N, C-alpha and C. Protein backbone atom coordinates (compact mmCIF):
# COMPACT_ATOMS: atom_id res chain seq x y z
N MET A 1 17.86 -51.70 -23.57
CA MET A 1 18.80 -52.08 -22.85
C MET A 1 18.71 -50.74 -21.96
N SER A 2 18.45 -51.26 -20.60
CA SER A 2 18.37 -50.22 -19.35
C SER A 2 19.80 -49.51 -19.35
N ARG A 3 20.01 -48.16 -18.75
CA ARG A 3 21.02 -47.36 -18.93
C ARG A 3 22.08 -47.66 -17.99
N PHE A 4 21.40 -48.40 -16.62
CA PHE A 4 21.99 -48.62 -15.56
C PHE A 4 22.17 -50.35 -15.15
N SER A 5 21.63 -50.70 -16.11
CA SER A 5 22.12 -52.33 -15.76
C SER A 5 22.29 -53.04 -16.87
N ARG A 6 22.94 -54.47 -17.03
CA ARG A 6 23.35 -54.79 -18.25
C ARG A 6 22.11 -55.97 -18.69
N ARG A 7 21.00 -56.06 -17.86
CA ARG A 7 19.94 -57.07 -18.53
C ARG A 7 19.16 -56.04 -19.49
N PRO A 8 18.61 -56.58 -20.62
CA PRO A 8 17.83 -55.90 -21.46
C PRO A 8 16.50 -55.41 -20.95
N THR A 9 15.82 -54.44 -21.10
CA THR A 9 14.91 -54.22 -20.74
C THR A 9 13.64 -54.62 -21.74
N THR A 10 12.45 -54.80 -21.03
CA THR A 10 11.28 -55.46 -21.88
C THR A 10 10.25 -54.46 -22.30
N ARG A 11 9.60 -54.59 -23.34
CA ARG A 11 8.58 -53.63 -23.79
C ARG A 11 7.63 -53.49 -22.44
N ASP A 12 7.04 -54.63 -21.97
CA ASP A 12 6.28 -54.62 -20.44
C ASP A 12 6.71 -53.73 -19.86
N GLU A 13 7.75 -53.77 -19.36
CA GLU A 13 8.71 -52.86 -18.23
C GLU A 13 8.84 -51.32 -18.88
N ILE A 14 9.05 -51.22 -19.94
CA ILE A 14 9.21 -49.45 -20.55
C ILE A 14 7.72 -49.25 -20.36
N GLU A 15 6.52 -49.98 -20.78
CA GLU A 15 5.32 -49.45 -20.74
C GLU A 15 4.95 -49.12 -19.44
N SER A 16 5.44 -50.22 -18.32
CA SER A 16 4.82 -49.73 -16.93
C SER A 16 5.39 -48.77 -16.39
N GLU A 17 6.77 -48.63 -16.92
CA GLU A 17 7.54 -47.33 -16.11
C GLU A 17 6.97 -45.89 -16.50
N ILE A 18 6.37 -45.95 -18.10
CA ILE A 18 5.54 -44.67 -18.73
C ILE A 18 4.40 -44.45 -17.81
N GLN A 19 3.57 -45.66 -17.59
CA GLN A 19 2.51 -45.63 -17.02
C GLN A 19 2.59 -44.79 -15.45
N ASN A 20 3.57 -45.43 -14.89
CA ASN A 20 3.99 -45.05 -13.31
C ASN A 20 4.26 -43.41 -13.52
N LEU A 21 5.07 -42.89 -14.48
CA LEU A 21 5.59 -41.63 -14.80
C LEU A 21 4.40 -40.82 -15.09
N MET A 22 3.21 -41.23 -15.85
CA MET A 22 2.07 -40.75 -16.10
C MET A 22 1.07 -40.48 -15.10
N ASN A 23 1.27 -41.68 -14.00
CA ASN A 23 0.48 -41.39 -12.78
C ASN A 23 0.82 -40.29 -12.01
N ALA A 24 2.39 -40.49 -12.05
CA ALA A 24 2.77 -39.30 -11.03
C ALA A 24 2.49 -38.06 -11.43
N LEU A 25 2.72 -37.77 -12.34
CA LEU A 25 2.48 -36.51 -13.32
C LEU A 25 1.10 -36.15 -12.96
N ASP A 26 -0.09 -36.95 -13.34
CA ASP A 26 -1.00 -36.82 -13.05
C ASP A 26 -1.52 -36.04 -11.30
N ASP A 27 -0.89 -36.69 -10.35
CA ASP A 27 -0.94 -36.56 -9.24
C ASP A 27 -0.45 -35.19 -8.89
N LEU A 28 0.76 -34.95 -9.24
CA LEU A 28 1.59 -33.63 -9.40
C LEU A 28 0.43 -32.55 -9.95
N LYS A 29 -0.05 -32.83 -10.80
CA LYS A 29 -0.96 -31.98 -11.76
C LYS A 29 -2.25 -31.55 -10.49
N GLN A 30 -2.71 -32.38 -10.26
CA GLN A 30 -3.86 -32.26 -8.80
C GLN A 30 -3.39 -31.62 -7.75
N ASP A 31 -2.33 -31.86 -7.36
CA ASP A 31 -1.86 -31.40 -6.24
C ASP A 31 -1.71 -29.78 -6.32
N ALA A 32 -0.97 -29.25 -7.60
CA ALA A 32 -0.88 -28.30 -8.04
C ALA A 32 -2.01 -27.63 -8.11
N SER A 33 -2.91 -27.91 -8.78
CA SER A 33 -4.16 -27.73 -8.72
C SER A 33 -4.91 -26.87 -7.30
N ARG A 34 -4.88 -28.11 -6.47
CA ARG A 34 -5.40 -27.87 -5.42
C ARG A 34 -5.03 -26.68 -4.49
N GLU A 35 -3.48 -26.97 -4.68
CA GLU A 35 -2.72 -25.61 -3.84
C GLU A 35 -3.16 -24.01 -4.58
N SER A 36 -3.26 -24.14 -5.54
CA SER A 36 -3.24 -23.17 -6.57
C SER A 36 -4.84 -22.27 -5.84
N ARG A 37 -6.10 -23.19 -5.88
CA ARG A 37 -7.09 -23.11 -5.61
C ARG A 37 -7.01 -22.86 -4.08
N HIS A 38 -6.38 -23.28 -3.53
CA HIS A 38 -6.64 -22.98 -1.91
C HIS A 38 -6.03 -21.33 -1.78
N ARG A 39 -4.75 -21.06 -2.35
CA ARG A 39 -4.07 -19.63 -2.45
C ARG A 39 -4.94 -18.83 -2.91
N PHE A 40 -5.49 -18.93 -4.06
CA PHE A 40 -6.71 -18.27 -4.61
C PHE A 40 -7.56 -17.59 -3.69
N ASN A 41 -8.36 -19.06 -3.07
CA ASN A 41 -9.21 -18.75 -2.16
C ASN A 41 -9.08 -17.77 -1.09
N ALA A 42 -7.65 -18.14 -0.49
CA ALA A 42 -7.47 -17.35 0.82
C ALA A 42 -7.14 -15.95 0.39
N LEU A 43 -6.68 -15.68 -1.03
CA LEU A 43 -6.28 -14.38 -1.18
C LEU A 43 -7.54 -13.54 -1.49
N ARG A 44 -8.39 -14.22 -2.06
CA ARG A 44 -10.06 -13.68 -2.15
C ARG A 44 -10.59 -13.29 -1.00
N SER A 45 -10.27 -14.11 0.05
CA SER A 45 -10.95 -13.66 1.29
C SER A 45 -10.34 -12.87 1.81
N ARG A 46 -8.97 -12.44 1.80
CA ARG A 46 -8.19 -11.37 2.18
C ARG A 46 -8.52 -10.17 1.77
N ALA A 47 -8.81 -10.07 0.21
CA ALA A 47 -9.40 -8.87 -0.15
C ALA A 47 -10.79 -8.38 -0.14
N GLU A 48 -11.40 -9.44 0.01
CA GLU A 48 -12.64 -9.14 0.31
C GLU A 48 -12.78 -8.64 1.93
N SER A 49 -11.75 -9.07 2.86
CA SER A 49 -12.38 -8.43 4.34
C SER A 49 -11.42 -7.19 4.13
N LEU A 50 -10.72 -7.00 3.49
CA LEU A 50 -9.87 -5.52 3.68
C LEU A 50 -10.91 -4.62 2.89
N TRP A 51 -11.71 -4.93 1.99
CA TRP A 51 -12.70 -4.04 1.11
C TRP A 51 -13.46 -3.79 2.25
N SER A 52 -14.35 -4.46 3.03
CA SER A 52 -15.43 -4.55 3.95
C SER A 52 -14.98 -3.47 4.68
N ASP A 53 -13.77 -3.76 5.31
CA ASP A 53 -12.96 -3.15 6.41
C ASP A 53 -13.02 -1.35 6.28
N VAL A 54 -12.57 -1.09 4.77
CA VAL A 54 -12.28 0.16 4.25
C VAL A 54 -13.42 1.18 4.93
N ASP A 55 -12.66 2.53 5.17
CA ASP A 55 -13.58 3.57 5.62
C ASP A 55 -13.21 4.64 4.57
N LEU A 56 -13.53 4.47 3.34
CA LEU A 56 -13.22 5.44 2.57
C LEU A 56 -13.50 6.93 2.90
N ASP A 57 -14.46 7.32 3.56
CA ASP A 57 -14.68 8.92 3.97
C ASP A 57 -13.85 9.18 5.01
N GLY A 58 -13.29 8.35 6.03
CA GLY A 58 -12.32 8.83 6.71
C GLY A 58 -11.17 8.97 6.30
N HIS A 59 -10.27 7.96 5.37
CA HIS A 59 -9.35 8.00 4.98
C HIS A 59 -9.55 9.25 3.83
N ARG A 60 -10.51 9.53 3.16
CA ARG A 60 -10.51 10.95 2.43
C ARG A 60 -10.34 12.18 3.19
N GLU A 61 -10.97 12.00 4.26
CA GLU A 61 -11.06 13.38 5.02
C GLU A 61 -9.46 13.72 5.63
N HIS A 62 -8.84 12.34 6.16
CA HIS A 62 -7.44 12.52 6.34
C HIS A 62 -6.56 12.85 5.56
N LEU A 63 -6.70 12.49 4.55
CA LEU A 63 -5.97 12.82 3.59
C LEU A 63 -5.82 14.40 2.98
N THR A 64 -7.28 14.65 3.15
CA THR A 64 -7.45 16.15 2.53
C THR A 64 -6.92 16.98 3.63
N ARG A 65 -7.05 16.51 5.00
CA ARG A 65 -6.46 17.47 5.96
C ARG A 65 -4.82 17.46 5.90
N ARG A 66 -4.35 16.11 5.88
CA ARG A 66 -2.95 16.55 5.71
C ARG A 66 -2.41 16.98 4.52
N GLY A 67 -3.00 17.24 3.40
CA GLY A 67 -2.81 18.00 1.89
C GLY A 67 -3.01 19.27 2.16
N ARG A 68 -4.03 19.81 3.02
CA ARG A 68 -3.92 21.17 3.16
C ARG A 68 -2.95 21.57 4.18
N GLU A 69 -2.55 20.76 5.13
CA GLU A 69 -1.53 21.29 6.13
C GLU A 69 -0.31 21.03 5.53
N ALA A 70 0.08 20.20 4.71
CA ALA A 70 1.19 20.30 3.74
C ALA A 70 1.58 21.59 3.00
N SER A 71 0.48 22.12 2.19
CA SER A 71 0.50 23.23 1.41
C SER A 71 0.59 24.46 1.89
N ARG A 72 -0.04 24.41 3.39
CA ARG A 72 0.08 25.66 4.21
C ARG A 72 1.43 25.86 4.74
N MET A 73 2.12 24.88 5.31
CA MET A 73 3.35 24.59 5.29
C MET A 73 4.46 25.11 4.24
N ALA A 74 4.13 24.59 3.19
CA ALA A 74 5.16 25.20 1.93
C ALA A 74 5.19 26.52 1.78
N ARG A 75 3.89 27.02 1.95
CA ARG A 75 3.62 28.37 1.45
C ARG A 75 4.05 29.27 2.75
N ASP A 76 4.11 29.17 3.65
CA ASP A 76 4.70 29.82 4.91
C ASP A 76 5.97 29.64 4.69
N CYS A 77 6.83 28.46 4.50
CA CYS A 77 8.12 28.57 4.27
C CYS A 77 8.70 29.22 3.06
N ALA A 78 7.60 29.11 1.89
CA ALA A 78 8.35 30.06 0.60
C ALA A 78 8.28 31.61 1.15
N ARG A 79 7.44 31.72 2.00
CA ARG A 79 6.92 33.34 2.52
C ARG A 79 8.39 33.65 3.28
N GLU A 80 8.70 32.77 4.39
CA GLU A 80 9.82 33.11 5.33
C GLU A 80 11.08 33.05 4.41
N HIS A 81 11.37 32.41 3.33
CA HIS A 81 12.84 32.26 3.00
C HIS A 81 12.26 32.62 1.36
N PRO A 82 12.37 33.66 0.90
CA PRO A 82 11.99 33.96 -0.48
C PRO A 82 13.33 33.35 -1.48
N LEU A 83 14.61 33.69 -1.33
CA LEU A 83 15.44 33.44 -2.09
C LEU A 83 15.88 32.04 -2.15
N SER A 84 15.92 31.09 -0.90
CA SER A 84 15.64 29.79 -1.10
C SER A 84 14.82 29.11 -1.99
N THR A 85 13.56 29.55 -1.91
CA THR A 85 12.69 29.02 -2.88
C THR A 85 13.01 29.22 -4.19
N VAL A 86 13.60 30.39 -4.45
CA VAL A 86 13.95 30.79 -5.87
C VAL A 86 14.85 30.19 -6.10
N ALA A 87 15.98 29.50 -5.55
CA ALA A 87 16.81 28.97 -5.97
C ALA A 87 16.56 27.22 -5.84
N LEU A 88 15.75 26.90 -5.08
CA LEU A 88 14.93 25.53 -5.29
C LEU A 88 14.29 25.43 -6.34
N ALA A 89 13.52 26.54 -7.01
CA ALA A 89 12.76 26.07 -7.99
C ALA A 89 13.60 26.37 -9.26
N ALA A 90 14.67 27.17 -9.28
CA ALA A 90 15.65 27.20 -10.52
C ALA A 90 16.38 25.61 -10.43
N GLY A 91 16.86 25.19 -9.48
CA GLY A 91 17.50 23.90 -9.11
C GLY A 91 16.86 22.94 -10.08
N ALA A 92 15.21 22.83 -9.73
CA ALA A 92 14.37 22.14 -10.21
C ALA A 92 14.32 21.96 -11.80
N LEU A 93 13.96 23.35 -11.79
CA LEU A 93 13.56 23.74 -13.28
C LEU A 93 15.06 23.17 -14.20
N ALA A 94 16.41 23.11 -13.50
CA ALA A 94 17.57 22.75 -14.35
C ALA A 94 17.58 21.46 -14.41
N VAL A 95 17.14 20.37 -13.52
CA VAL A 95 17.49 18.97 -13.28
C VAL A 95 16.15 18.70 -14.62
N ILE A 96 15.01 19.27 -14.40
CA ILE A 96 14.21 19.15 -15.46
C ILE A 96 14.65 18.90 -17.05
N GLY A 97 15.12 20.14 -17.02
CA GLY A 97 15.69 20.51 -18.22
C GLY A 97 16.88 19.67 -18.98
N TYR A 98 17.27 19.36 -17.89
CA TYR A 98 18.61 18.28 -18.19
C TYR A 98 18.06 16.78 -18.80
N LEU A 99 17.18 16.52 -17.97
CA LEU A 99 16.52 15.25 -18.01
C LEU A 99 15.92 15.16 -19.67
N VAL A 100 15.07 16.21 -19.72
CA VAL A 100 14.46 16.24 -21.04
C VAL A 100 15.33 16.39 -22.23
N THR A 101 16.25 17.13 -21.93
CA THR A 101 17.34 17.37 -23.27
C THR A 101 18.10 15.89 -23.39
N ARG A 102 18.68 15.18 -22.38
CA ARG A 102 19.49 14.44 -22.46
C ARG A 102 18.73 12.89 -23.17
N ARG A 103 19.36 12.49 -24.10
CA ARG A 103 19.25 11.12 -24.90
C ARG A 103 19.55 9.90 -24.56
């Protein structure tokens, strides 16, 4: 007997409903597969375009130059403010020591 009607459900109706559900699930599976494939291809093409556009030597030189400038500025600041540098180093060591000994 059906849940929402008073009329008894036949075996053929149940089999028909199960077949309809299986068809709907197959359609859903195919749609999901198609969508996943489409997204994967889009991500792949984007990654390939980014890889081909990369100028590794230019980025390396730029990062090297910025790193050298930062180290030069840190060295100059440490020379101009030696007491602040010592206090900063002591504070950093205290924080590291606290984190290491904390359980």
